Every structure is written in C-alpha cells, then in structure tokens.
C-alpha atoms as a PDB file:
ATOM      1  CA  MET A   1      16.086  27.195 134.288  1.00  0.00           C
ATOM      2  CA  GLY A   2      14.633  30.865 134.451  1.00  0.00           C
ATOM      3  CA  THR A   3      16.716  31.678 138.030  1.00  0.00           C
ATOM      4  CA  ASP A   4      19.930  30.509 136.088  1.00  0.00           C
ATOM      5  CA  TYR A   5      19.145  32.521 133.008  1.00  0.00           C
ATOM      6  CA  CYS A   6      18.504  35.576 135.089  1.00  0.00           C
ATOM      7  CA  ARG A   7      21.880  34.831 137.292  1.00  0.00           C
ATOM      8  CA  ASN A   8      23.853  34.478 133.827  1.00  0.00           C
ATOM      9  CA  LEU A   9      22.835  38.156 133.301  1.00  0.00           C
ATOM     10  CA  ASN A  10      23.934  38.926 137.034  1.00  0.00           C
ATOM     11  CA  ALA A  11      20.173  39.611 137.869  1.00  0.00           C
ATOM     12  CA  SER A  12      17.511  37.738 139.957  1.00  0.00           C
ATOM     13  CA  LEU A  13      13.747  37.316 139.330  1.00  0.00           C
ATOM     14  CA  ILE A  14      12.140  40.742 139.620  1.00  0.00           C
ATOM     15  CA  ALA A  15      10.290  42.031 142.882  1.00  0.00           C
ATOM     16  CA  ILE A  16       7.059  43.239 142.016  1.00  0.00           C
ATOM     17  CA  GLN A  17       6.940  46.274 144.877  1.00  0.00           C
ATOM     18  CA  SER A  18       4.224  48.354 144.117  1.00  0.00           C
ATOM     19  CA  GLU A  19       0.594  48.343 141.815  1.00  0.00           C
ATOM     20  CA  ARG A  20       2.583  50.634 138.905  1.00  0.00           C
ATOM     21  CA  MET A  21       5.401  47.742 138.730  1.00  0.00           C
ATOM     22  CA  GLN A  22       2.800  45.002 138.182  1.00  0.00           C
ATOM     23  CA  ASP A  23       0.693  47.428 135.801  1.00  0.00           C
ATOM     24  CA  PHE A  24       4.111  47.540 133.685  1.00  0.00           C
ATOM     25  CA  LEU A  25       5.107  43.805 133.769  1.00  0.00           C
ATOM     26  CA  SER A  26       1.282  42.738 133.040  1.00  0.00           C
ATOM     27  CA  SER A  27       1.734  44.938 129.981  1.00  0.00           C
ATOM     28  CA  ILE A  28       4.770  43.321 128.711  1.00  0.00           C
ATOM     29  CA  VAL A  29       3.306  39.679 129.262  1.00  0.00           C
ATOM     30  CA  GLY A  30       0.266  40.682 127.449  1.00  0.00           C
ATOM     31  CA  LYS A  31       2.738  42.078 124.307  1.00  0.00           C
ATOM     32  CA  MET A  32       4.499  38.588 124.258  1.00  0.00           C
ATOM     33  CA  ASP A  33       3.960  35.752 122.193  1.00  0.00           C
ATOM     34  CA  SER A  34       0.416  34.512 122.113  1.00  0.00           C
ATOM     35  CA  ASP A  35       1.336  31.224 123.625  1.00  0.00           C
ATOM     36  CA  VAL A  36       2.697  33.242 126.619  1.00  0.00           C
ATOM     37  CA  LYS A  37       0.187  33.070 129.602  1.00  0.00           C
ATOM     38  CA  SER A  38       2.539  33.691 132.458  1.00  0.00           C
ATOM     39  CA  ALA A  39       5.839  34.748 133.668  1.00  0.00           C
ATOM     40  CA  TYR A  40       7.341  34.069 137.224  1.00  0.00           C
ATOM     41  CA  ILE A  41       8.654  36.729 139.635  1.00  0.00           C
ATOM     42  CA  GLN A  42      10.545  36.473 142.705  1.00  0.00           C
ATOM     43  CA  GLY A  43       8.590  35.063 145.862  1.00  0.00           C
ATOM     44  CA  THR A  44       8.651  32.037 147.531  1.00  0.00           C
ATOM     45  CA  PHE A  45       6.735  30.061 150.746  1.00  0.00           C
ATOM     46  CA  ASN A  46       8.669  29.694 153.532  1.00  0.00           C
ATOM     47  CA  THR A  47       6.566  27.714 155.409  1.00  0.00           C
ATOM     48  CA  THR A  48       4.940  30.406 157.190  1.00  0.00           C
ATOM     49  CA  HIS A  49       5.339  33.884 154.756  1.00  0.00           C
ATOM     50  CA  TRP A  50       5.230  34.682 151.023  1.00  0.00           C
ATOM     51  CA  VAL A  51       8.859  36.306 151.193  1.00  0.00           C
ATOM     52  CA  LEU A  52      11.522  37.672 148.732  1.00  0.00           C
ATOM     53  CA  ASP A  53      14.749  36.412 148.124  1.00  0.00           C
ATOM     54  CA  ASN A  54      16.192  38.302 151.191  1.00  0.00           C
ATOM     55  CA  GLN A  55      13.697  36.880 153.435  1.00  0.00           C
ATOM     56  CA  GLN A  56      11.903  40.110 153.668  1.00  0.00           C
ATOM     57  CA  LEU A  57       7.908  40.081 153.599  1.00  0.00           C
ATOM     58  CA  LEU A  58       6.612  40.640 150.098  1.00  0.00           C
ATOM     59  CA  PRO A  59       5.918  44.504 149.996  1.00  0.00           C
ATOM     60  CA  PHE A  60       2.890  44.095 147.605  1.00  0.00           C
ATOM     61  CA  THR A  61       0.874  41.464 146.672  1.00  0.00           C
ATOM     62  CA  HIS A  62      -1.598  40.834 143.671  1.00  0.00           C
ATOM     63  CA  TRP A  63      -3.092  37.604 144.440  1.00  0.00           C
ATOM     64  CA  GLY A  64      -5.869  36.357 142.028  1.00  0.00           C
ATOM     65  CA  SER A  65      -9.057  35.045 143.215  1.00  0.00           C
ATOM     66  CA  GLY A  66      -8.536  31.874 145.391  1.00  0.00           C
ATOM     67  CA  GLU A  67      -5.067  32.572 145.894  1.00  0.00           C
ATOM     68  CA  PRO A  68      -2.272  32.069 147.194  1.00  0.00           C
ATOM     69  CA  ARG A  69      -3.347  28.359 147.392  1.00  0.00           C
ATOM     70  CA  LEU A  70      -1.044  26.385 150.166  1.00  0.00           C
ATOM     71  CA  GLN A  71      -3.225  23.287 150.038  1.00  0.00           C
ATOM     72  CA  TYR A  72      -1.025  21.779 147.362  1.00  0.00           C
ATOM     73  CA  PRO A  73       2.453  20.840 148.323  1.00  0.00           C
ATOM     74  CA  GLY A  74       5.176  22.067 146.183  1.00  0.00           C
ATOM     75  CA  PHE A  75       3.098  25.647 145.082  1.00  0.00           C
ATOM     76  CA  VAL A  76       5.828  27.602 146.442  1.00  0.00           C
ATOM     77  CA  ASN A  77       6.484  30.104 143.904  1.00  0.00           C
ATOM     78  CA  ILE A  78       4.533  33.134 142.073  1.00  0.00           C
ATOM     79  CA  LYS A  79       3.817  33.811 138.547  1.00  0.00           C
ATOM     80  CA  VAL A  80       1.985  36.551 136.995  1.00  0.00           C
ATOM     81  CA  SER A  81      -0.954  35.263 134.647  1.00  0.00           C
ATOM     82  CA  LYS A  82      -3.898  36.362 132.598  1.00  0.00           C
ATOM     83  CA  VAL A  83      -7.156  35.515 134.353  1.00  0.00           C
ATOM     84  CA  SER A  84     -10.326  36.329 132.870  1.00  0.00           C
ATOM     85  CA  GLY A  85      -8.797  39.179 130.938  1.00  0.00           C
ATOM     86  CA  ASN A  86      -6.599  40.738 133.895  1.00  0.00           C
ATOM     87  CA  TYR A  87      -3.241  39.766 135.386  1.00  0.00           C
ATOM     88  CA  TYR A  88      -3.095  38.338 138.669  1.00  0.00           C
ATOM     89  CA  TRP A  89      -0.625  36.561 140.751  1.00  0.00           C
ATOM     90  CA  GLN A  90      -1.065  32.731 140.934  1.00  0.00           C
ATOM     91  CA  THR A  91       1.068  30.373 142.696  1.00  0.00           C
ATOM     92  CA  ALA A  92       3.006  28.089 141.033  1.00  0.00           C
ATOM     93  CA  LYS A  93       4.748  24.659 141.588  1.00  0.00           C
ATOM     94  CA  GLY A  94       8.483  25.374 141.675  1.00  0.00           C
ATOM     95  CA  LEU A  95      10.401  26.814 138.556  1.00  0.00           C
ATOM     96  CA  ARG A  96      10.288  24.670 136.128  1.00  0.00           C
ATOM     97  CA  PRO A  97      12.843  24.392 133.362  1.00  0.00           C
ATOM     98  CA  LEU A  98      11.990  26.542 130.185  1.00  0.00           C
ATOM     99  CA  ARG A  99       9.480  28.967 131.834  1.00  0.00           C
ATOM    100  CA  HIS A 100       9.023  32.709 131.478  1.00  0.00           C
ATOM    101  CA  VAL A 101      10.899  34.771 133.917  1.00  0.00           C
ATOM    102  CA  PHE A 102      10.705  38.494 134.668  1.00  0.00           C
ATOM    103  CA  CYS A 103      14.765  39.112 135.607  1.00  0.00           C
ATOM    104  CA  GLY A 104      15.644  42.480 137.194  1.00  0.00           C
ATOM    105  CA  ILE A 105      19.031  43.943 137.389  1.00  0.00           C
ATOM    106  CA  ILE A 106      19.775  46.873 140.064  1.00  0.00           C
ATOM    107  CA  VAL A 107      21.927  49.784 138.245  1.00  0.00           C
END
C-alpha cells in the first residue's frame, strides 16, 4: 500500500500546502507513464472536516468540480487527478494497493 511505501522511506504522504506545490506535483504526474492518471496525497475526511495526518485542517485545497464527494461512503482520501486537461483534487475510496503516491520527507 502507498502509505506503507512512504513509511518504509521514513516519510508520509505529502501534504500539498500551496498552489505552487500543487503546480509542481501536477507537473510530475503529467510526466509519468501515460497510464498514470492520478496520485494520492495526504488528507482524509474525519467525519466533519478534511484534515492532514496531524488532524489539522487542510491549509490549501484544489478540489475539482463537484468535489469533494461525501455522498459516497468510504470516499475519504484525496488524489491529484487529471480532469479536462488540468490537475485537480478528487475524493478517493481508500488507499488501494499498488496506487501511485507522493511521499514527503522533512529534511
């Protein structure tokens, strides 16, 4: 699972905290294998708010049209996905095995 992969690097899923960071990570997804259309980032829904791993509210969001989708049970994670030629955040159902992730390490 992606979170395990990050943990093995002594890292965690990256928390996008600005538009600049969003643009940088979007450019990386755009350069990946043509089959790759999204990558998971840090952020979960805690039944009332979207929060980071430390339970602080997301400092930045870049939701796509109609997002976040809370009407579907289990859609509690966030991925950066290409929608109509641009990269936006979408809700995702769990961190599925073998999905692409962005890991972040504080140095």
